N, C-alpha and C. Protein backbone atom coordinates (compact mmCIF):
# COMPACT_ATOMS: atom_id res chain seq x y z
N UNK A 1 -1.10 50.01 71.83
CA UNK A 1 -2.05 50.59 70.89
C UNK A 1 -2.55 49.48 69.97
N UNK A 2 -3.83 49.22 70.04
CA UNK A 2 -4.45 48.18 69.24
C UNK A 2 -4.55 48.60 67.77
N UNK A 3 -4.39 47.62 66.89
CA UNK A 3 -4.45 47.90 65.45
C UNK A 3 -5.86 48.35 65.05
N UNK A 4 -5.91 49.17 64.02
CA UNK A 4 -7.18 49.66 63.50
C UNK A 4 -7.49 49.01 62.17
N UNK A 5 -8.79 48.85 61.90
CA UNK A 5 -9.22 48.41 60.58
C UNK A 5 -9.10 49.60 59.63
N UNK A 6 -9.23 49.35 58.34
CA UNK A 6 -9.18 50.43 57.36
C UNK A 6 -10.29 51.44 57.61
N UNK A 7 -11.47 50.95 57.95
CA UNK A 7 -12.61 51.83 58.25
C UNK A 7 -12.32 52.69 59.48
N UNK A 8 -11.74 52.08 60.50
CA UNK A 8 -11.42 52.83 61.72
C UNK A 8 -10.35 53.89 61.45
N UNK A 9 -9.37 53.55 60.61
CA UNK A 9 -8.36 54.54 60.23
C UNK A 9 -9.00 55.72 59.53
N UNK A 10 -9.96 55.44 58.66
CA UNK A 10 -10.67 56.52 57.96
C UNK A 10 -11.38 57.43 58.97
N UNK A 11 -12.01 56.85 59.97
CA UNK A 11 -12.68 57.65 60.99
C UNK A 11 -11.68 58.47 61.79
N UNK A 12 -10.55 57.87 62.12
CA UNK A 12 -9.53 58.61 62.88
C UNK A 12 -9.00 59.77 62.07
N UNK A 13 -8.88 59.62 60.76
CA UNK A 13 -8.44 60.73 59.91
C UNK A 13 -9.40 61.91 60.08
N UNK A 14 -10.68 61.62 60.17
CA UNK A 14 -11.68 62.67 60.36
C UNK A 14 -11.49 63.33 61.73
N UNK A 15 -11.30 62.53 62.76
CA UNK A 15 -11.12 63.10 64.10
C UNK A 15 -9.83 63.92 64.20
N UNK A 16 -8.75 63.44 63.57
CA UNK A 16 -7.51 64.23 63.59
C UNK A 16 -7.71 65.55 62.86
N UNK A 17 -8.49 65.55 61.82
CA UNK A 17 -8.76 66.78 61.06
C UNK A 17 -9.64 67.73 61.88
N UNK A 18 -10.72 67.21 62.45
CA UNK A 18 -11.69 68.06 63.14
C UNK A 18 -11.29 68.38 64.59
N UNK A 19 -10.50 67.52 65.20
CA UNK A 19 -10.04 67.62 66.58
C UNK A 19 -11.11 67.27 67.61
N UNK A 20 -12.32 67.72 67.43
CA UNK A 20 -13.47 67.35 68.27
C UNK A 20 -14.67 67.23 67.34
N UNK A 21 -15.53 66.23 67.61
CA UNK A 21 -16.66 66.06 66.69
C UNK A 21 -17.78 65.25 67.34
N UNK A 22 -18.99 65.60 66.93
CA UNK A 22 -20.17 64.80 67.23
C UNK A 22 -20.29 63.74 66.14
N UNK A 23 -21.09 62.73 66.37
CA UNK A 23 -21.28 61.68 65.36
C UNK A 23 -21.75 62.29 64.04
N UNK A 24 -22.67 63.24 64.10
CA UNK A 24 -23.18 63.84 62.85
C UNK A 24 -22.09 64.63 62.12
N UNK A 25 -21.14 65.22 62.86
CA UNK A 25 -20.03 65.93 62.21
C UNK A 25 -19.17 64.94 61.42
N UNK A 26 -18.92 63.79 62.02
CA UNK A 26 -18.13 62.76 61.34
C UNK A 26 -18.88 62.26 60.11
N UNK A 27 -20.16 62.04 60.27
CA UNK A 27 -20.99 61.57 59.16
C UNK A 27 -20.92 62.54 57.98
N UNK A 28 -20.91 63.83 58.27
CA UNK A 28 -20.81 64.85 57.21
C UNK A 28 -19.48 64.80 56.47
N UNK A 29 -18.43 64.33 57.14
CA UNK A 29 -17.09 64.30 56.54
C UNK A 29 -16.80 63.03 55.74
N UNK A 30 -17.57 61.99 55.96
CA UNK A 30 -17.33 60.71 55.31
C UNK A 30 -17.88 60.74 53.89
N UNK A 31 -17.10 60.23 52.94
CA UNK A 31 -17.60 60.20 51.55
C UNK A 31 -18.72 59.17 51.38
N UNK A 32 -19.46 59.32 50.32
CA UNK A 32 -20.51 58.36 49.96
C UNK A 32 -19.87 57.03 49.58
N UNK A 33 -20.51 55.93 49.81
CA UNK A 33 -21.79 55.77 50.50
C UNK A 33 -21.59 55.87 52.02
N UNK A 34 -22.39 56.68 52.64
CA UNK A 34 -22.29 56.91 54.08
C UNK A 34 -22.96 55.76 54.84
N UNK A 35 -22.35 55.37 55.96
CA UNK A 35 -22.98 54.31 56.76
C UNK A 35 -24.19 54.88 57.51
N UNK A 36 -25.07 54.02 57.98
CA UNK A 36 -26.16 54.50 58.82
C UNK A 36 -25.60 55.15 60.09
N UNK A 37 -26.31 56.12 60.60
CA UNK A 37 -25.88 56.86 61.80
C UNK A 37 -25.55 55.90 62.94
N UNK A 38 -26.41 54.91 63.17
CA UNK A 38 -26.20 53.99 64.29
C UNK A 38 -24.94 53.14 64.10
N UNK A 39 -24.66 52.75 62.88
CA UNK A 39 -23.44 51.99 62.59
C UNK A 39 -22.21 52.85 62.87
N UNK A 40 -22.26 54.09 62.41
CA UNK A 40 -21.16 55.01 62.65
C UNK A 40 -20.95 55.24 64.15
N UNK A 41 -22.04 55.43 64.87
CA UNK A 41 -21.94 55.63 66.33
C UNK A 41 -21.30 54.42 66.99
N UNK A 42 -21.63 53.22 66.55
CA UNK A 42 -21.03 51.99 67.09
C UNK A 42 -19.54 51.93 66.77
N UNK A 43 -19.17 52.31 65.55
CA UNK A 43 -17.76 52.31 65.16
C UNK A 43 -16.96 53.31 66.00
N UNK A 44 -17.55 54.45 66.27
CA UNK A 44 -16.89 55.46 67.09
C UNK A 44 -16.73 54.96 68.52
N UNK A 45 -17.74 54.30 69.04
CA UNK A 45 -17.64 53.72 70.39
C UNK A 45 -16.54 52.65 70.44
N UNK A 46 -16.38 51.92 69.34
CA UNK A 46 -15.31 50.91 69.27
C UNK A 46 -13.93 51.58 69.31
N UNK A 47 -13.80 52.72 68.63
CA UNK A 47 -12.54 53.47 68.68
C UNK A 47 -12.27 53.95 70.10
N UNK A 48 -13.32 54.33 70.80
CA UNK A 48 -13.16 54.76 72.19
C UNK A 48 -12.73 53.56 73.05
N UNK A 49 -13.35 52.41 72.83
CA UNK A 49 -13.01 51.20 73.57
C UNK A 49 -11.55 50.79 73.33
N UNK A 50 -11.07 51.00 72.10
CA UNK A 50 -9.68 50.67 71.76
C UNK A 50 -8.69 51.70 72.31
N UNK A 51 -9.20 52.81 72.85
CA UNK A 51 -8.33 53.80 73.46
C UNK A 51 -7.88 54.93 72.54
N UNK A 52 -8.51 55.06 71.39
CA UNK A 52 -8.13 56.11 70.44
C UNK A 52 -8.91 57.41 70.66
N UNK A 53 -10.10 57.29 71.23
CA UNK A 53 -10.97 58.45 71.45
C UNK A 53 -11.44 58.49 72.90
N UNK A 54 -11.81 59.67 73.34
CA UNK A 54 -12.55 59.88 74.58
C UNK A 54 -13.67 60.84 74.23
N UNK A 55 -14.55 61.07 75.20
CA UNK A 55 -15.66 61.99 74.90
C UNK A 55 -16.02 62.84 76.10
N UNK A 56 -16.61 63.98 75.78
CA UNK A 56 -17.26 64.84 76.76
C UNK A 56 -18.75 64.69 76.54
N UNK A 57 -19.50 64.71 77.63
CA UNK A 57 -20.96 64.56 77.53
C UNK A 57 -21.63 65.88 77.88
N UNK A 58 -22.53 66.29 77.01
CA UNK A 58 -23.35 67.48 77.22
C UNK A 58 -24.80 67.04 77.12
N UNK A 59 -25.44 66.80 78.28
CA UNK A 59 -26.78 66.24 78.27
C UNK A 59 -26.70 64.82 77.75
N UNK A 60 -27.37 64.55 76.62
CA UNK A 60 -27.29 63.22 76.02
C UNK A 60 -26.45 63.22 74.74
N UNK A 61 -25.65 64.26 74.56
CA UNK A 61 -24.80 64.39 73.37
C UNK A 61 -23.35 64.11 73.75
N UNK A 62 -22.67 63.30 72.95
CA UNK A 62 -21.26 62.99 73.17
C UNK A 62 -20.42 63.71 72.11
N UNK A 63 -19.44 64.45 72.59
CA UNK A 63 -18.46 65.08 71.70
C UNK A 63 -17.16 64.30 71.87
N UNK A 64 -16.71 63.68 70.78
CA UNK A 64 -15.53 62.82 70.82
C UNK A 64 -14.29 63.59 70.38
N UNK A 65 -13.15 63.18 70.93
CA UNK A 65 -11.87 63.78 70.56
C UNK A 65 -10.78 62.71 70.62
N UNK A 66 -9.77 62.83 69.77
CA UNK A 66 -8.70 61.83 69.74
C UNK A 66 -7.76 61.97 70.95
N UNK A 67 -7.33 60.84 71.48
CA UNK A 67 -6.32 60.84 72.54
C UNK A 67 -5.01 60.23 72.05
N UNK A 68 -5.05 59.65 70.86
CA UNK A 68 -3.84 59.17 70.19
C UNK A 68 -3.59 60.14 69.04
N UNK A 69 -2.41 60.71 69.00
CA UNK A 69 -2.10 61.66 67.94
C UNK A 69 -1.86 60.93 66.61
N UNK A 70 -2.05 61.67 65.55
CA UNK A 70 -1.79 61.11 64.23
C UNK A 70 -0.32 60.73 64.11
N UNK A 71 0.55 61.53 64.68
CA UNK A 71 1.99 61.25 64.62
C UNK A 71 2.33 59.94 65.35
N UNK A 72 1.75 59.73 66.53
CA UNK A 72 2.00 58.50 67.29
C UNK A 72 1.50 57.28 66.52
N UNK A 73 0.33 57.41 65.91
CA UNK A 73 -0.22 56.30 65.13
C UNK A 73 0.62 56.04 63.89
N UNK A 74 1.04 57.10 63.23
CA UNK A 74 1.88 56.97 62.03
C UNK A 74 3.18 56.24 62.38
N UNK A 75 3.79 56.64 63.48
CA UNK A 75 5.06 56.04 63.90
C UNK A 75 4.89 54.55 64.18
N UNK A 76 3.85 54.19 64.94
CA UNK A 76 3.62 52.79 65.27
C UNK A 76 3.31 51.99 64.01
N UNK A 77 2.47 52.53 63.14
CA UNK A 77 2.10 51.82 61.91
C UNK A 77 3.31 51.61 61.02
N UNK A 78 4.14 52.64 60.90
CA UNK A 78 5.32 52.53 60.04
C UNK A 78 6.31 51.52 60.61
N UNK A 79 6.50 51.56 61.92
CA UNK A 79 7.41 50.60 62.55
C UNK A 79 6.90 49.17 62.36
N UNK A 80 5.59 48.97 62.47
CA UNK A 80 5.01 47.65 62.22
C UNK A 80 5.20 47.23 60.78
N UNK A 81 5.02 48.16 59.85
CA UNK A 81 5.22 47.87 58.43
C UNK A 81 6.65 47.42 58.17
N UNK A 82 7.61 48.14 58.72
CA UNK A 82 9.02 47.78 58.54
C UNK A 82 9.30 46.40 59.14
N UNK A 83 8.79 46.18 60.33
CA UNK A 83 9.01 44.91 61.02
C UNK A 83 8.38 43.74 60.26
N UNK A 84 7.13 43.90 59.84
CA UNK A 84 6.38 42.79 59.26
C UNK A 84 6.65 42.52 57.79
N UNK A 85 7.03 43.55 57.04
CA UNK A 85 7.18 43.38 55.60
C UNK A 85 8.60 43.57 55.07
N UNK A 86 9.48 44.11 55.92
CA UNK A 86 10.84 44.39 55.45
C UNK A 86 11.89 43.86 56.42
N UNK A 87 11.54 42.83 57.18
CA UNK A 87 12.47 42.20 58.13
C UNK A 87 13.11 43.18 59.08
N UNK A 88 12.40 44.26 59.39
CA UNK A 88 12.91 45.25 60.34
C UNK A 88 14.04 46.10 59.79
N UNK A 89 14.25 46.06 58.50
CA UNK A 89 15.38 46.75 57.88
C UNK A 89 14.96 48.01 57.12
N UNK A 90 15.49 49.14 57.54
CA UNK A 90 15.24 50.40 56.83
C UNK A 90 15.87 50.33 55.45
N UNK A 91 17.01 49.66 55.34
CA UNK A 91 17.65 49.51 54.03
C UNK A 91 16.72 48.77 53.06
N UNK A 92 16.02 47.75 53.55
CA UNK A 92 15.08 47.03 52.69
C UNK A 92 13.93 47.95 52.26
N UNK A 93 13.49 48.83 53.16
CA UNK A 93 12.43 49.79 52.82
C UNK A 93 12.90 50.73 51.71
N UNK A 94 14.08 51.30 51.91
CA UNK A 94 14.61 52.24 50.91
C UNK A 94 14.86 51.55 49.58
N UNK A 95 15.38 50.33 49.63
CA UNK A 95 15.61 49.57 48.40
C UNK A 95 14.29 49.35 47.66
N UNK A 96 13.25 48.99 48.40
CA UNK A 96 11.92 48.81 47.81
C UNK A 96 11.43 50.10 47.18
N UNK A 97 11.60 51.20 47.90
CA UNK A 97 11.13 52.49 47.40
C UNK A 97 11.85 52.87 46.12
N UNK A 98 13.14 52.63 46.08
CA UNK A 98 13.91 52.97 44.88
C UNK A 98 13.46 52.11 43.70
N UNK A 99 13.30 50.81 43.94
CA UNK A 99 12.95 49.89 42.85
C UNK A 99 11.49 50.01 42.43
N UNK A 100 10.59 50.10 43.37
CA UNK A 100 9.16 50.04 43.08
C UNK A 100 8.50 51.40 42.88
N UNK A 101 8.97 52.39 43.55
CA UNK A 101 8.31 53.69 43.52
C UNK A 101 9.07 54.72 42.70
N UNK A 102 10.24 54.35 42.21
CA UNK A 102 10.98 55.24 41.33
C UNK A 102 11.32 56.58 41.97
N UNK A 103 12.06 56.54 43.06
CA UNK A 103 12.45 57.78 43.73
C UNK A 103 13.27 58.63 42.76
N UNK A 104 12.93 59.90 42.69
CA UNK A 104 13.62 60.80 41.77
C UNK A 104 15.01 61.14 42.29
N UNK A 105 15.83 61.65 41.40
CA UNK A 105 17.18 62.08 41.77
C UNK A 105 17.13 63.14 42.86
N UNK A 106 16.19 64.06 42.74
CA UNK A 106 16.04 65.12 43.75
C UNK A 106 15.70 64.52 45.11
N UNK A 107 14.76 63.56 45.14
CA UNK A 107 14.38 62.92 46.41
C UNK A 107 15.56 62.15 47.00
N UNK A 108 16.34 61.50 46.15
CA UNK A 108 17.52 60.76 46.64
C UNK A 108 18.53 61.72 47.26
N UNK A 109 18.72 62.87 46.65
CA UNK A 109 19.65 63.87 47.20
C UNK A 109 19.14 64.38 48.55
N UNK A 110 17.83 64.60 48.65
CA UNK A 110 17.25 65.06 49.91
C UNK A 110 17.40 64.01 51.01
N UNK A 111 17.20 62.73 50.65
CA UNK A 111 17.39 61.65 51.61
C UNK A 111 18.84 61.58 52.06
N UNK A 112 19.76 61.70 51.11
CA UNK A 112 21.19 61.67 51.46
C UNK A 112 21.52 62.83 52.40
N UNK A 113 20.97 63.99 52.13
CA UNK A 113 21.20 65.15 52.99
C UNK A 113 20.68 64.87 54.41
N UNK A 114 19.48 64.29 54.52
CA UNK A 114 18.94 63.95 55.84
C UNK A 114 19.84 62.97 56.57
N UNK A 115 20.34 61.97 55.85
CA UNK A 115 21.23 60.98 56.47
C UNK A 115 22.52 61.64 56.92
N UNK A 116 23.08 62.49 56.07
CA UNK A 116 24.32 63.19 56.43
C UNK A 116 24.11 64.07 57.66
N UNK A 117 22.99 64.78 57.71
CA UNK A 117 22.70 65.64 58.86
C UNK A 117 22.50 64.81 60.13
N UNK A 118 21.91 63.65 59.98
CA UNK A 118 21.72 62.76 61.13
C UNK A 118 23.05 62.23 61.64
N UNK A 119 23.94 61.88 60.71
CA UNK A 119 25.26 61.36 61.08
C UNK A 119 26.17 62.43 61.64
N UNK A 120 26.00 63.69 61.19
CA UNK A 120 26.84 64.80 61.62
C UNK A 120 25.97 65.97 62.06
N UNK A 121 25.31 65.87 63.22
CA UNK A 121 24.35 66.92 63.62
C UNK A 121 24.98 68.30 63.79
N UNK A 122 26.28 68.38 64.10
CA UNK A 122 26.90 69.69 64.27
C UNK A 122 27.07 70.43 62.95
N UNK A 123 26.98 69.75 61.82
CA UNK A 123 27.13 70.39 60.51
C UNK A 123 25.81 70.93 59.96
N UNK A 124 24.68 70.63 60.62
CA UNK A 124 23.39 71.09 60.08
C UNK A 124 23.02 72.46 60.57
C-alpha cells in the first residue's frame, strides 16, 4: 500500500464516508477553498493508480469507490508511525501519550483493562 499525501488522505476520508462517489460528489464534500474540478479529477485518478480506488463506468461518467478500507489504512499508518517515530515500541507510544497528551486517570484505567483482557482472554 503506497503512502498517501495529506490531500489524498482527505479525499479518501470523503470516499470512506460516501462509499461511492462521482467527482462532483467529492467536490461538494471538500471544504473551501475547493480545487478546480479537473485538478480534483486528476487527484482521484492518482488514488486509483495507487490502488486505493476503483471505478464503474456509466457512459462517460465514472463512479469511484474505495478498495482499501479505512481500517486497513489506519492500521498500516499507525504501524508506520510506531516504527518510524517510536523505534517500533508500543511502550514508547504510550509513554509519549502519557507525557504529551495528558491521558486521564479514566483512560489509563480503560487501557489497563484492555491489557488485562488481552493477557487473560478467558476472564473477559
